[in-house]
Structure formats: C-alpha cells, structure tokens
Amino acid sequence: MDAETIIYMGLIIASLLAGLLFGVWKKNFVAGQKKAVSMAITGLVFVLIFLMGLKTGLNRGVMDNLGNYGVSALLLALGAIAGSLVFVVVFDRLFLRGVPK
C-alpha cells in the first residue's frame, strides 16, 4: 500500500470516529435534528452516486470495455443488493424483534 492510500484510509476512519464520538457526546437528538441528518445523508449519497457515475463516464478505458464489464458488473451489483437485503431481514429478525420503532 502506498502512502496516499494509507492517508486516505486514515481520513475515512478518522471521519467515522469523529461522527461516532459526536453522537456519543450529543446522546439525544431532537426529531428535527434527526430529520436534518437523515436528509443530509440521503442528499450526500445521491451526490456520491452522481460523482461515481461522472468519474466512470470520463474514464475512457472503462467506457471502451463497458460491454466486457457490463454483465459482470450487473451481477455483482445485484448480488450486493440481494446480500444486503438478506442481511437486513436476518438482522431485523434476530436483533430487533420486540424493539419499538
């Protein structure tokens, strides 16, 4: 691993820990704050997906080989979605049963 990758991973971990510590420190959010955080997360996910699509579209190597990658990428994406759904259902049934929503 090169130094740039290590720094990048360190920033990701530091950001996660900063958010975790802030959440532990803050403890309780009022409903309006929870809604604002949820909306911000959703908006930023859409921005992330847009930027990933932009970067992919600008990458000539990927676009030239899209036919070769297409089926594999589709199967990988569908597998990730299916795995996520299975995990959520199992997690909900094992750990969240009886927890008020």
N, C-alpha and C. Protein backbone atom coordinates (compact mmCIF):
# COMPACT_ATOMS: atom_id res chain seq x y z
N MET A 1 0.84 -1.18 0.00
CA MET A 1 0.00 0.00 0.00
C MET A 1 0.89 1.24 0.00
N ASP A 2 0.52 2.20 -0.83
CA ASP A 2 1.33 3.42 -0.87
C ASP A 2 0.84 4.41 0.18
N ALA A 3 1.60 5.45 0.39
CA ALA A 3 1.33 6.43 1.45
C ALA A 3 0.00 7.15 1.21
N GLU A 4 -0.32 7.43 -0.05
CA GLU A 4 -1.57 8.13 -0.35
C GLU A 4 -2.79 7.29 0.06
N THR A 5 -2.74 6.00 -0.18
CA THR A 5 -3.83 5.10 0.21
C THR A 5 -3.97 5.04 1.72
N ILE A 6 -2.87 4.99 2.42
CA ILE A 6 -2.89 4.94 3.89
C ILE A 6 -3.49 6.22 4.46
N ILE A 7 -3.10 7.37 3.89
CA ILE A 7 -3.66 8.64 4.34
C ILE A 7 -5.16 8.68 4.08
N TYR A 8 -5.57 8.24 2.90
CA TYR A 8 -6.98 8.22 2.52
C TYR A 8 -7.79 7.35 3.49
N MET A 9 -7.30 6.16 3.76
CA MET A 9 -7.99 5.25 4.70
C MET A 9 -8.02 5.86 6.10
N GLY A 10 -6.93 6.51 6.50
CA GLY A 10 -6.89 7.17 7.81
C GLY A 10 -7.93 8.27 7.92
N LEU A 11 -8.12 9.04 6.85
CA LEU A 11 -9.14 10.09 6.85
C LEU A 11 -10.55 9.50 6.95
N ILE A 12 -10.78 8.40 6.27
CA ILE A 12 -12.09 7.75 6.35
C ILE A 12 -12.35 7.27 7.77
N ILE A 13 -11.39 6.61 8.37
CA ILE A 13 -11.54 6.09 9.73
C ILE A 13 -11.68 7.24 10.73
N ALA A 14 -10.88 8.30 10.56
CA ALA A 14 -10.97 9.45 11.46
C ALA A 14 -12.33 10.12 11.36
N SER A 15 -12.88 10.22 10.15
CA SER A 15 -14.20 10.82 9.97
C SER A 15 -15.27 9.98 10.66
N LEU A 16 -15.18 8.68 10.50
CA LEU A 16 -16.14 7.79 11.15
C LEU A 16 -16.06 7.91 12.66
N LEU A 17 -14.85 7.91 13.19
CA LEU A 17 -14.67 8.03 14.64
C LEU A 17 -15.14 9.39 15.15
N ALA A 18 -14.90 10.45 14.40
CA ALA A 18 -15.36 11.79 14.81
C ALA A 18 -16.88 11.81 14.90
N GLY A 19 -17.56 11.24 13.92
CA GLY A 19 -19.01 11.17 13.95
C GLY A 19 -19.52 10.32 15.10
N LEU A 20 -18.86 9.21 15.34
CA LEU A 20 -19.23 8.34 16.44
C LEU A 20 -19.07 9.04 17.78
N LEU A 21 -17.95 9.71 17.97
CA LEU A 21 -17.71 10.43 19.22
C LEU A 21 -18.70 11.57 19.40
N PHE A 22 -19.02 12.27 18.32
CA PHE A 22 -20.01 13.34 18.41
C PHE A 22 -21.38 12.78 18.82
N GLY A 23 -21.75 11.65 18.22
CA GLY A 23 -23.02 11.02 18.57
C GLY A 23 -23.06 10.57 20.02
N VAL A 24 -21.95 10.02 20.52
CA VAL A 24 -21.89 9.60 21.92
C VAL A 24 -21.95 10.82 22.83
N TRP A 25 -21.25 11.88 22.46
CA TRP A 25 -21.24 13.10 23.27
C TRP A 25 -22.61 13.77 23.28
N LYS A 26 -23.25 13.86 22.12
CA LYS A 26 -24.54 14.53 21.99
C LYS A 26 -25.66 13.71 22.63
N LYS A 27 -25.57 12.41 22.56
CA LYS A 27 -26.52 11.44 23.11
C LYS A 27 -27.90 11.50 22.47
N ASN A 28 -28.64 12.56 22.68
CA ASN A 28 -30.01 12.63 22.18
C ASN A 28 -30.16 13.76 21.16
N PHE A 29 -30.76 13.42 20.05
CA PHE A 29 -31.09 14.42 19.05
C PHE A 29 -32.60 14.62 19.08
N VAL A 30 -33.04 15.84 18.91
CA VAL A 30 -34.47 16.08 18.79
C VAL A 30 -34.92 15.63 17.40
N ALA A 31 -36.22 15.48 17.22
CA ALA A 31 -36.75 14.94 15.96
C ALA A 31 -36.30 15.75 14.75
N GLY A 32 -36.29 17.08 14.88
CA GLY A 32 -35.87 17.93 13.77
C GLY A 32 -34.42 17.71 13.38
N GLN A 33 -33.56 17.50 14.37
CA GLN A 33 -32.15 17.24 14.09
C GLN A 33 -31.97 15.89 13.41
N LYS A 34 -32.70 14.87 13.87
CA LYS A 34 -32.62 13.55 13.24
C LYS A 34 -33.06 13.62 11.79
N LYS A 35 -34.14 14.38 11.53
CA LYS A 35 -34.62 14.51 10.17
C LYS A 35 -33.61 15.24 9.30
N ALA A 36 -32.97 16.29 9.83
CA ALA A 36 -31.96 17.04 9.08
C ALA A 36 -30.75 16.17 8.75
N VAL A 37 -30.32 15.37 9.72
CA VAL A 37 -29.18 14.47 9.49
C VAL A 37 -29.55 13.44 8.43
N SER A 38 -30.74 12.87 8.53
CA SER A 38 -31.19 11.88 7.56
C SER A 38 -31.26 12.47 6.15
N MET A 39 -31.79 13.68 6.03
CA MET A 39 -31.88 14.32 4.72
C MET A 39 -30.49 14.64 4.17
N ALA A 40 -29.58 15.06 5.04
CA ALA A 40 -28.21 15.35 4.60
C ALA A 40 -27.52 14.08 4.10
N ILE A 41 -27.70 12.99 4.83
CA ILE A 41 -27.10 11.72 4.41
C ILE A 41 -27.64 11.29 3.06
N THR A 42 -28.97 11.37 2.89
CA THR A 42 -29.59 10.98 1.62
C THR A 42 -29.07 11.85 0.49
N GLY A 43 -29.01 13.15 0.70
CA GLY A 43 -28.50 14.05 -0.33
C GLY A 43 -27.06 13.76 -0.70
N LEU A 44 -26.24 13.51 0.31
CA LEU A 44 -24.83 13.23 0.04
C LEU A 44 -24.62 11.89 -0.65
N VAL A 45 -25.49 10.91 -0.37
CA VAL A 45 -25.41 9.63 -1.08
C VAL A 45 -25.71 9.85 -2.56
N PHE A 46 -26.72 10.68 -2.86
CA PHE A 46 -27.02 10.97 -4.26
C PHE A 46 -25.86 11.70 -4.95
N VAL A 47 -25.24 12.63 -4.25
CA VAL A 47 -24.07 13.32 -4.80
C VAL A 47 -22.94 12.33 -5.05
N LEU A 48 -22.71 11.43 -4.11
CA LEU A 48 -21.67 10.41 -4.27
C LEU A 48 -21.93 9.53 -5.49
N ILE A 49 -23.17 9.07 -5.63
CA ILE A 49 -23.51 8.22 -6.78
C ILE A 49 -23.34 8.99 -8.08
N PHE A 50 -23.76 10.26 -8.11
CA PHE A 50 -23.58 11.08 -9.31
C PHE A 50 -22.10 11.21 -9.66
N LEU A 51 -21.28 11.51 -8.66
CA LEU A 51 -19.84 11.69 -8.91
C LEU A 51 -19.18 10.38 -9.34
N MET A 52 -19.63 9.26 -8.82
CA MET A 52 -19.10 7.97 -9.26
C MET A 52 -19.45 7.73 -10.72
N GLY A 53 -20.69 8.06 -11.10
CA GLY A 53 -21.10 7.93 -12.50
C GLY A 53 -20.31 8.86 -13.41
N LEU A 54 -20.08 10.07 -12.93
CA LEU A 54 -19.29 11.03 -13.71
C LEU A 54 -17.87 10.53 -13.93
N LYS A 55 -17.27 10.04 -12.86
CA LYS A 55 -15.89 9.53 -12.98
C LYS A 55 -15.84 8.33 -13.91
N THR A 56 -16.83 7.46 -13.83
CA THR A 56 -16.89 6.29 -14.70
C THR A 56 -17.06 6.73 -16.15
N GLY A 57 -17.96 7.69 -16.38
CA GLY A 57 -18.19 8.16 -17.74
C GLY A 57 -16.98 8.85 -18.35
N LEU A 58 -16.16 9.47 -17.52
CA LEU A 58 -14.96 10.15 -18.01
C LEU A 58 -13.78 9.19 -18.22
N ASN A 59 -13.88 7.99 -17.67
CA ASN A 59 -12.79 7.02 -17.80
C ASN A 59 -12.93 6.28 -19.13
N ARG A 60 -12.07 6.63 -20.06
CA ARG A 60 -12.14 6.08 -21.42
C ARG A 60 -11.95 4.57 -21.42
N GLY A 61 -11.06 4.06 -20.57
CA GLY A 61 -10.81 2.63 -20.52
C GLY A 61 -12.04 1.85 -20.10
N VAL A 62 -12.76 2.37 -19.13
CA VAL A 62 -13.98 1.70 -18.67
C VAL A 62 -15.05 1.78 -19.75
N MET A 63 -15.22 2.95 -20.34
CA MET A 63 -16.27 3.12 -21.35
C MET A 63 -16.01 2.28 -22.59
N ASP A 64 -14.74 2.14 -22.98
CA ASP A 64 -14.41 1.32 -24.15
C ASP A 64 -14.67 -0.16 -23.89
N ASN A 65 -14.56 -0.60 -22.65
CA ASN A 65 -14.74 -2.01 -22.31
C ASN A 65 -16.04 -2.27 -21.56
N LEU A 66 -16.99 -1.35 -21.68
CA LEU A 66 -18.24 -1.48 -20.95
C LEU A 66 -18.97 -2.77 -21.30
N GLY A 67 -18.91 -3.16 -22.55
CA GLY A 67 -19.55 -4.41 -22.97
C GLY A 67 -18.96 -5.61 -22.25
N ASN A 68 -17.65 -5.60 -22.03
CA ASN A 68 -17.00 -6.71 -21.32
C ASN A 68 -17.32 -6.69 -19.84
N TYR A 69 -17.40 -5.49 -19.27
CA TYR A 69 -17.63 -5.35 -17.83
C TYR A 69 -19.11 -5.40 -17.47
N GLY A 70 -19.97 -5.06 -18.41
CA GLY A 70 -21.38 -4.85 -18.12
C GLY A 70 -22.07 -5.98 -17.39
N VAL A 71 -21.99 -7.20 -17.92
CA VAL A 71 -22.69 -8.32 -17.30
C VAL A 71 -22.10 -8.63 -15.93
N SER A 72 -20.78 -8.63 -15.84
CA SER A 72 -20.14 -8.91 -14.55
C SER A 72 -20.51 -7.85 -13.52
N ALA A 73 -20.51 -6.59 -13.93
CA ALA A 73 -20.86 -5.51 -13.01
C ALA A 73 -22.31 -5.62 -12.58
N LEU A 74 -23.19 -5.95 -13.51
CA LEU A 74 -24.60 -6.10 -13.19
C LEU A 74 -24.81 -7.22 -12.18
N LEU A 75 -24.17 -8.36 -12.42
CA LEU A 75 -24.30 -9.49 -11.49
C LEU A 75 -23.71 -9.15 -10.12
N LEU A 76 -22.60 -8.46 -10.10
CA LEU A 76 -22.00 -8.06 -8.83
C LEU A 76 -22.92 -7.10 -8.07
N ALA A 77 -23.49 -6.13 -8.77
CA ALA A 77 -24.40 -5.19 -8.13
C ALA A 77 -25.65 -5.88 -7.61
N LEU A 78 -26.23 -6.77 -8.41
CA LEU A 78 -27.42 -7.50 -7.97
C LEU A 78 -27.11 -8.40 -6.78
N GLY A 79 -25.93 -9.02 -6.79
CA GLY A 79 -25.52 -9.85 -5.65
C GLY A 79 -25.34 -9.02 -4.39
N ALA A 80 -24.78 -7.83 -4.52
CA ALA A 80 -24.59 -6.95 -3.36
C ALA A 80 -25.94 -6.50 -2.81
N ILE A 81 -26.87 -6.18 -3.69
CA ILE A 81 -28.21 -5.77 -3.26
C ILE A 81 -28.92 -6.92 -2.57
N ALA A 82 -28.86 -8.10 -3.17
CA ALA A 82 -29.52 -9.27 -2.57
C ALA A 82 -28.90 -9.60 -1.21
N GLY A 83 -27.58 -9.56 -1.13
CA GLY A 83 -26.91 -9.83 0.14
C GLY A 83 -27.29 -8.81 1.20
N SER A 84 -27.39 -7.55 0.83
CA SER A 84 -27.78 -6.51 1.78
C SER A 84 -29.20 -6.73 2.28
N LEU A 85 -30.10 -7.08 1.38
CA LEU A 85 -31.48 -7.33 1.78
C LEU A 85 -31.58 -8.52 2.72
N VAL A 86 -30.87 -9.58 2.41
CA VAL A 86 -30.87 -10.77 3.28
C VAL A 86 -30.32 -10.39 4.65
N PHE A 87 -29.23 -9.65 4.69
CA PHE A 87 -28.64 -9.25 5.96
C PHE A 87 -29.62 -8.42 6.78
N VAL A 88 -30.30 -7.47 6.15
CA VAL A 88 -31.25 -6.62 6.87
C VAL A 88 -32.39 -7.45 7.46
N VAL A 89 -32.92 -8.37 6.68
CA VAL A 89 -34.02 -9.21 7.17
C VAL A 89 -33.54 -10.07 8.34
N VAL A 90 -32.39 -10.71 8.20
CA VAL A 90 -31.86 -11.56 9.27
C VAL A 90 -31.56 -10.72 10.51
N PHE A 91 -30.93 -9.57 10.34
CA PHE A 91 -30.61 -8.69 11.47
C PHE A 91 -31.88 -8.25 12.18
N ASP A 92 -32.89 -7.87 11.39
CA ASP A 92 -34.16 -7.42 11.97
C ASP A 92 -34.81 -8.54 12.77
N ARG A 93 -34.81 -9.74 12.23
CA ARG A 93 -35.47 -10.85 12.93
C ARG A 93 -34.70 -11.31 14.15
N LEU A 94 -33.36 -11.25 14.11
CA LEU A 94 -32.56 -11.73 15.23
C LEU A 94 -32.40 -10.71 16.34
N PHE A 95 -32.22 -9.45 15.98
CA PHE A 95 -31.83 -8.45 16.98
C PHE A 95 -32.88 -7.38 17.26
N LEU A 96 -33.76 -7.12 16.34
CA LEU A 96 -34.69 -6.01 16.53
C LEU A 96 -36.11 -6.45 16.84
N ARG A 97 -36.29 -7.73 17.01
CA ARG A 97 -37.62 -8.24 17.35
C ARG A 97 -38.04 -7.70 18.71
N GLY A 98 -39.17 -7.05 18.77
CA GLY A 98 -39.66 -6.52 20.03
C GLY A 98 -39.15 -5.12 20.35
N VAL A 99 -38.27 -4.56 19.54
CA VAL A 99 -37.78 -3.21 19.79
C VAL A 99 -38.79 -2.23 19.19
N PRO A 100 -39.30 -1.29 19.98
CA PRO A 100 -40.28 -0.34 19.44
C PRO A 100 -39.69 0.50 18.33
N LYS A 101 -40.48 0.74 17.28
CA LYS A 101 -39.98 1.52 16.13
C LYS A 101 -40.43 2.93 16.20
